[in-house]
Amino acid sequence: MQHQPPLHSTIVAMLALASGIAAKHPAMGQCQLQRLRDAGVPEHQIDAVIEIARHIRDEAAQQLDAAFDEQAAEALRASASTQTCGCTPAASGQSCC
């Protein structure tokens, strides 16, 4: 197996910054942000990394919220359909729905 050179430190810092933002890490990538600035990475490139990471984070949250809302609505419909099926309980009180 051939030894591969490591990723450049600015690439590692960009990846760490983006994944920290996308994962809502409490450190918020401040260390990586400073490392990128110290390395002379242009501000527009840093802004692009932040924008992409926030987009991924926000899109994932929206999809998760939509899935939750859909499941909650399905559970509500299922609950409502058993409550309003129109049947009367058997003599023992057992529901037929």
N, C-alpha and C. Protein backbone atom coordinates (compact mmCIF):
# COMPACT_ATOMS: atom_id res chain seq x y z
N MET A 1 0.84 -1.18 0.00
CA MET A 1 0.00 0.00 0.00
C MET A 1 0.88 1.23 0.00
N GLN A 2 0.58 2.15 -0.88
CA GLN A 2 1.37 3.35 -1.03
C GLN A 2 0.95 4.39 0.00
N HIS A 3 1.94 5.06 0.61
CA HIS A 3 1.65 6.09 1.61
C HIS A 3 1.15 7.36 0.93
N GLN A 4 0.01 7.83 1.37
CA GLN A 4 -0.58 9.03 0.81
C GLN A 4 -0.17 10.23 1.66
N PRO A 5 0.08 11.36 1.03
CA PRO A 5 0.41 12.55 1.82
C PRO A 5 -0.82 13.01 2.60
N PRO A 6 -0.61 13.60 3.78
CA PRO A 6 -1.75 14.06 4.57
C PRO A 6 -2.44 15.25 3.89
N LEU A 7 -3.66 15.49 4.26
CA LEU A 7 -4.39 16.65 3.75
C LEU A 7 -3.69 17.92 4.23
N HIS A 8 -3.76 18.94 3.42
CA HIS A 8 -3.19 20.23 3.80
C HIS A 8 -3.93 20.74 5.03
N SER A 9 -3.24 21.44 5.91
CA SER A 9 -3.83 21.90 7.16
C SER A 9 -5.03 22.81 6.96
N THR A 10 -5.04 23.58 5.86
CA THR A 10 -6.20 24.44 5.61
C THR A 10 -7.42 23.62 5.20
N ILE A 11 -7.20 22.52 4.50
CA ILE A 11 -8.32 21.65 4.13
C ILE A 11 -8.90 21.00 5.39
N VAL A 12 -8.02 20.55 6.27
CA VAL A 12 -8.47 19.96 7.53
C VAL A 12 -9.26 20.98 8.35
N ALA A 13 -8.76 22.22 8.40
CA ALA A 13 -9.45 23.27 9.16
C ALA A 13 -10.81 23.58 8.54
N MET A 14 -10.89 23.60 7.20
CA MET A 14 -12.18 23.85 6.54
C MET A 14 -13.17 22.73 6.83
N LEU A 15 -12.69 21.49 6.78
CA LEU A 15 -13.55 20.35 7.08
C LEU A 15 -14.04 20.39 8.52
N ALA A 16 -13.14 20.69 9.43
CA ALA A 16 -13.51 20.74 10.84
C ALA A 16 -14.49 21.89 11.11
N LEU A 17 -14.25 23.03 10.48
CA LEU A 17 -15.15 24.17 10.63
C LEU A 17 -16.54 23.81 10.12
N ALA A 18 -16.61 23.27 8.91
CA ALA A 18 -17.89 22.93 8.30
C ALA A 18 -18.62 21.86 9.11
N SER A 19 -17.92 20.82 9.52
CA SER A 19 -18.61 19.75 10.25
C SER A 19 -19.05 20.23 11.63
N GLY A 20 -18.27 21.11 12.26
CA GLY A 20 -18.66 21.66 13.56
C GLY A 20 -19.92 22.49 13.45
N ILE A 21 -20.00 23.30 12.39
CA ILE A 21 -21.21 24.12 12.18
C ILE A 21 -22.40 23.22 11.88
N ALA A 22 -22.22 22.28 10.98
CA ALA A 22 -23.32 21.40 10.58
C ALA A 22 -23.81 20.56 11.76
N ALA A 23 -22.90 20.20 12.66
CA ALA A 23 -23.27 19.37 13.80
C ALA A 23 -23.70 20.19 15.02
N LYS A 24 -23.70 21.52 14.88
CA LYS A 24 -24.05 22.42 15.99
C LYS A 24 -23.13 22.21 17.18
N HIS A 25 -21.85 22.02 16.91
CA HIS A 25 -20.87 21.82 17.99
C HIS A 25 -20.75 23.10 18.80
N PRO A 26 -20.71 22.98 20.14
CA PRO A 26 -20.69 24.19 20.97
C PRO A 26 -19.47 25.10 20.76
N ALA A 27 -18.34 24.56 20.31
CA ALA A 27 -17.15 25.38 20.09
C ALA A 27 -17.30 26.27 18.86
N MET A 28 -18.28 25.95 18.00
CA MET A 28 -18.62 26.74 16.82
C MET A 28 -17.45 26.96 15.86
N GLY A 29 -16.43 26.14 15.91
CA GLY A 29 -15.35 26.23 14.94
C GLY A 29 -14.46 27.45 15.07
N GLN A 30 -14.47 28.10 16.21
CA GLN A 30 -13.68 29.32 16.37
C GLN A 30 -12.18 29.07 16.19
N CYS A 31 -11.69 27.94 16.67
CA CYS A 31 -10.27 27.61 16.51
C CYS A 31 -9.92 27.45 15.03
N GLN A 32 -10.76 26.70 14.31
CA GLN A 32 -10.51 26.49 12.89
C GLN A 32 -10.65 27.79 12.11
N LEU A 33 -11.59 28.62 12.48
CA LEU A 33 -11.77 29.90 11.83
C LEU A 33 -10.51 30.75 11.95
N GLN A 34 -9.97 30.81 13.14
CA GLN A 34 -8.74 31.58 13.34
C GLN A 34 -7.57 30.95 12.59
N ARG A 35 -7.50 29.63 12.58
CA ARG A 35 -6.42 28.94 11.87
C ARG A 35 -6.48 29.27 10.37
N LEU A 36 -7.67 29.29 9.81
CA LEU A 36 -7.82 29.62 8.38
C LEU A 36 -7.41 31.06 8.10
N ARG A 37 -7.81 31.96 8.96
CA ARG A 37 -7.43 33.38 8.78
C ARG A 37 -5.92 33.56 8.92
N ASP A 38 -5.34 32.87 9.91
CA ASP A 38 -3.88 32.96 10.10
C ASP A 38 -3.12 32.40 8.91
N ALA A 39 -3.73 31.41 8.24
CA ALA A 39 -3.07 30.79 7.08
C ALA A 39 -3.27 31.62 5.81
N GLY A 40 -4.04 32.69 5.90
CA GLY A 40 -4.23 33.56 4.75
C GLY A 40 -5.31 33.11 3.79
N VAL A 41 -6.19 32.23 4.25
CA VAL A 41 -7.29 31.79 3.38
C VAL A 41 -8.21 33.00 3.16
N PRO A 42 -8.54 33.29 1.92
CA PRO A 42 -9.39 34.46 1.65
C PRO A 42 -10.73 34.37 2.36
N GLU A 43 -11.19 35.50 2.83
CA GLU A 43 -12.44 35.57 3.60
C GLU A 43 -13.63 35.04 2.80
N HIS A 44 -13.65 35.27 1.48
CA HIS A 44 -14.78 34.77 0.67
C HIS A 44 -14.82 33.24 0.64
N GLN A 45 -13.66 32.59 0.74
CA GLN A 45 -13.64 31.13 0.79
C GLN A 45 -14.14 30.64 2.14
N ILE A 46 -13.74 31.30 3.20
CA ILE A 46 -14.23 30.95 4.53
C ILE A 46 -15.74 31.15 4.60
N ASP A 47 -16.21 32.27 4.05
CA ASP A 47 -17.65 32.54 4.02
C ASP A 47 -18.41 31.46 3.26
N ALA A 48 -17.82 30.96 2.17
CA ALA A 48 -18.47 29.90 1.38
C ALA A 48 -18.58 28.62 2.19
N VAL A 49 -17.53 28.27 2.93
CA VAL A 49 -17.56 27.07 3.78
C VAL A 49 -18.65 27.21 4.84
N ILE A 50 -18.72 28.38 5.46
CA ILE A 50 -19.73 28.61 6.50
C ILE A 50 -21.14 28.55 5.90
N GLU A 51 -21.33 29.16 4.75
CA GLU A 51 -22.64 29.15 4.10
C GLU A 51 -23.09 27.73 3.77
N ILE A 52 -22.20 26.94 3.21
CA ILE A 52 -22.53 25.56 2.84
C ILE A 52 -22.86 24.74 4.09
N ALA A 53 -22.04 24.89 5.13
CA ALA A 53 -22.26 24.13 6.37
C ALA A 53 -23.60 24.49 7.00
N ARG A 54 -23.91 25.78 7.02
CA ARG A 54 -25.20 26.21 7.58
C ARG A 54 -26.36 25.69 6.74
N HIS A 55 -26.19 25.69 5.43
CA HIS A 55 -27.25 25.18 4.55
C HIS A 55 -27.51 23.70 4.84
N ILE A 56 -26.46 22.92 4.95
CA ILE A 56 -26.61 21.48 5.24
C ILE A 56 -27.27 21.29 6.60
N ARG A 57 -26.82 22.04 7.60
CA ARG A 57 -27.41 21.94 8.94
C ARG A 57 -28.89 22.30 8.92
N ASP A 58 -29.23 23.42 8.28
CA ASP A 58 -30.62 23.87 8.26
C ASP A 58 -31.51 22.95 7.44
N GLU A 59 -30.98 22.44 6.33
CA GLU A 59 -31.76 21.51 5.50
C GLU A 59 -32.04 20.22 6.27
N ALA A 60 -31.05 19.72 6.98
CA ALA A 60 -31.24 18.50 7.77
C ALA A 60 -32.29 18.74 8.86
N ALA A 61 -32.23 19.89 9.51
CA ALA A 61 -33.21 20.20 10.56
C ALA A 61 -34.61 20.30 9.98
N GLN A 62 -34.76 20.92 8.82
CA GLN A 62 -36.06 21.04 8.18
C GLN A 62 -36.62 19.67 7.81
N GLN A 63 -35.77 18.80 7.29
CA GLN A 63 -36.23 17.47 6.92
C GLN A 63 -36.62 16.66 8.15
N LEU A 64 -35.85 16.80 9.21
CA LEU A 64 -36.17 16.11 10.45
C LEU A 64 -37.49 16.61 11.02
N ASP A 65 -37.68 17.94 11.01
CA ASP A 65 -38.93 18.51 11.49
C ASP A 65 -40.11 18.04 10.64
N ALA A 66 -39.95 18.00 9.33
CA ALA A 66 -41.02 17.57 8.44
C ALA A 66 -41.38 16.10 8.70
N ALA A 67 -40.37 15.27 8.90
CA ALA A 67 -40.63 13.85 9.19
C ALA A 67 -41.36 13.70 10.52
N PHE A 68 -40.96 14.48 11.51
CA PHE A 68 -41.63 14.44 12.80
C PHE A 68 -43.08 14.88 12.66
N ASP A 69 -43.29 16.00 11.97
CA ASP A 69 -44.65 16.51 11.78
C ASP A 69 -45.53 15.49 11.06
N GLU A 70 -44.98 14.83 10.06
CA GLU A 70 -45.74 13.82 9.31
C GLU A 70 -46.12 12.65 10.21
N GLN A 71 -45.17 12.17 11.02
CA GLN A 71 -45.47 11.06 11.91
C GLN A 71 -46.48 11.47 12.98
N ALA A 72 -46.35 12.69 13.48
CA ALA A 72 -47.29 13.17 14.49
C ALA A 72 -48.70 13.28 13.90
N ALA A 73 -48.79 13.76 12.66
CA ALA A 73 -50.09 13.87 12.00
C ALA A 73 -50.70 12.49 11.76
N GLU A 74 -49.88 11.53 11.36
CA GLU A 74 -50.37 10.17 11.14
C GLU A 74 -50.89 9.58 12.45
N ALA A 75 -50.18 9.80 13.54
CA ALA A 75 -50.61 9.29 14.84
C ALA A 75 -51.92 9.94 15.27
N LEU A 76 -52.05 11.24 14.98
CA LEU A 76 -53.29 11.95 15.32
C LEU A 76 -54.46 11.42 14.51
N ARG A 77 -54.22 11.18 13.21
CA ARG A 77 -55.29 10.63 12.35
C ARG A 77 -55.68 9.23 12.82
N ALA A 78 -54.71 8.43 13.18
CA ALA A 78 -55.00 7.07 13.64
C ALA A 78 -55.79 7.11 14.94
N SER A 79 -55.42 8.02 15.81
CA SER A 79 -56.12 8.17 17.09
C SER A 79 -57.54 8.65 16.85
N ALA A 80 -57.70 9.61 15.96
CA ALA A 80 -59.03 10.17 15.67
C ALA A 80 -59.92 9.12 15.02
N SER A 81 -59.35 8.29 14.16
CA SER A 81 -60.18 7.30 13.46
C SER A 81 -60.69 6.23 14.41
N THR A 82 -59.94 5.89 15.43
CA THR A 82 -60.42 4.89 16.39
C THR A 82 -61.42 5.50 17.34
N GLN A 83 -61.35 6.82 17.56
CA GLN A 83 -62.28 7.47 18.47
C GLN A 83 -63.60 7.79 17.80
N THR A 84 -63.62 7.93 16.49
CA THR A 84 -64.85 8.35 15.81
C THR A 84 -65.31 7.31 14.80
N CYS A 85 -65.07 6.05 15.08
CA CYS A 85 -65.45 5.03 14.10
C CYS A 85 -66.95 4.76 14.10
N GLY A 86 -67.66 5.22 15.13
CA GLY A 86 -69.11 5.09 15.14
C GLY A 86 -69.63 3.82 15.78
N CYS A 87 -68.79 2.96 16.25
CA CYS A 87 -69.29 1.73 16.86
C CYS A 87 -69.54 1.95 18.35
N THR A 88 -70.39 1.11 18.88
CA THR A 88 -70.64 1.16 20.32
C THR A 88 -69.90 0.00 20.96
N PRO A 89 -69.51 0.15 22.20
CA PRO A 89 -68.77 -0.93 22.85
C PRO A 89 -69.64 -2.16 23.11
N ALA A 90 -68.98 -3.29 23.19
CA ALA A 90 -69.68 -4.53 23.54
C ALA A 90 -70.15 -4.44 24.98
N ALA A 91 -70.93 -5.41 25.40
CA ALA A 91 -71.47 -5.39 26.78
C ALA A 91 -70.37 -5.33 27.83
N SER A 92 -69.23 -5.91 27.53
CA SER A 92 -68.12 -5.88 28.49
C SER A 92 -67.41 -4.56 28.51
N GLY A 93 -67.72 -3.66 27.55
CA GLY A 93 -67.04 -2.37 27.45
C GLY A 93 -65.94 -2.37 26.40
N GLN A 94 -65.66 -3.54 25.84
CA GLN A 94 -64.61 -3.67 24.81
C GLN A 94 -65.08 -2.99 23.52
N SER A 95 -64.22 -2.14 22.97
CA SER A 95 -64.55 -1.45 21.74
C SER A 95 -64.38 -2.37 20.54
N CYS A 96 -65.25 -2.20 19.53
CA CYS A 96 -65.12 -3.00 18.32
C CYS A 96 -64.20 -2.35 17.30
N CYS A 97 -63.72 -1.15 17.55
CA CYS A 97 -62.85 -0.45 16.61
C CYS A 97 -61.42 -0.52 17.08
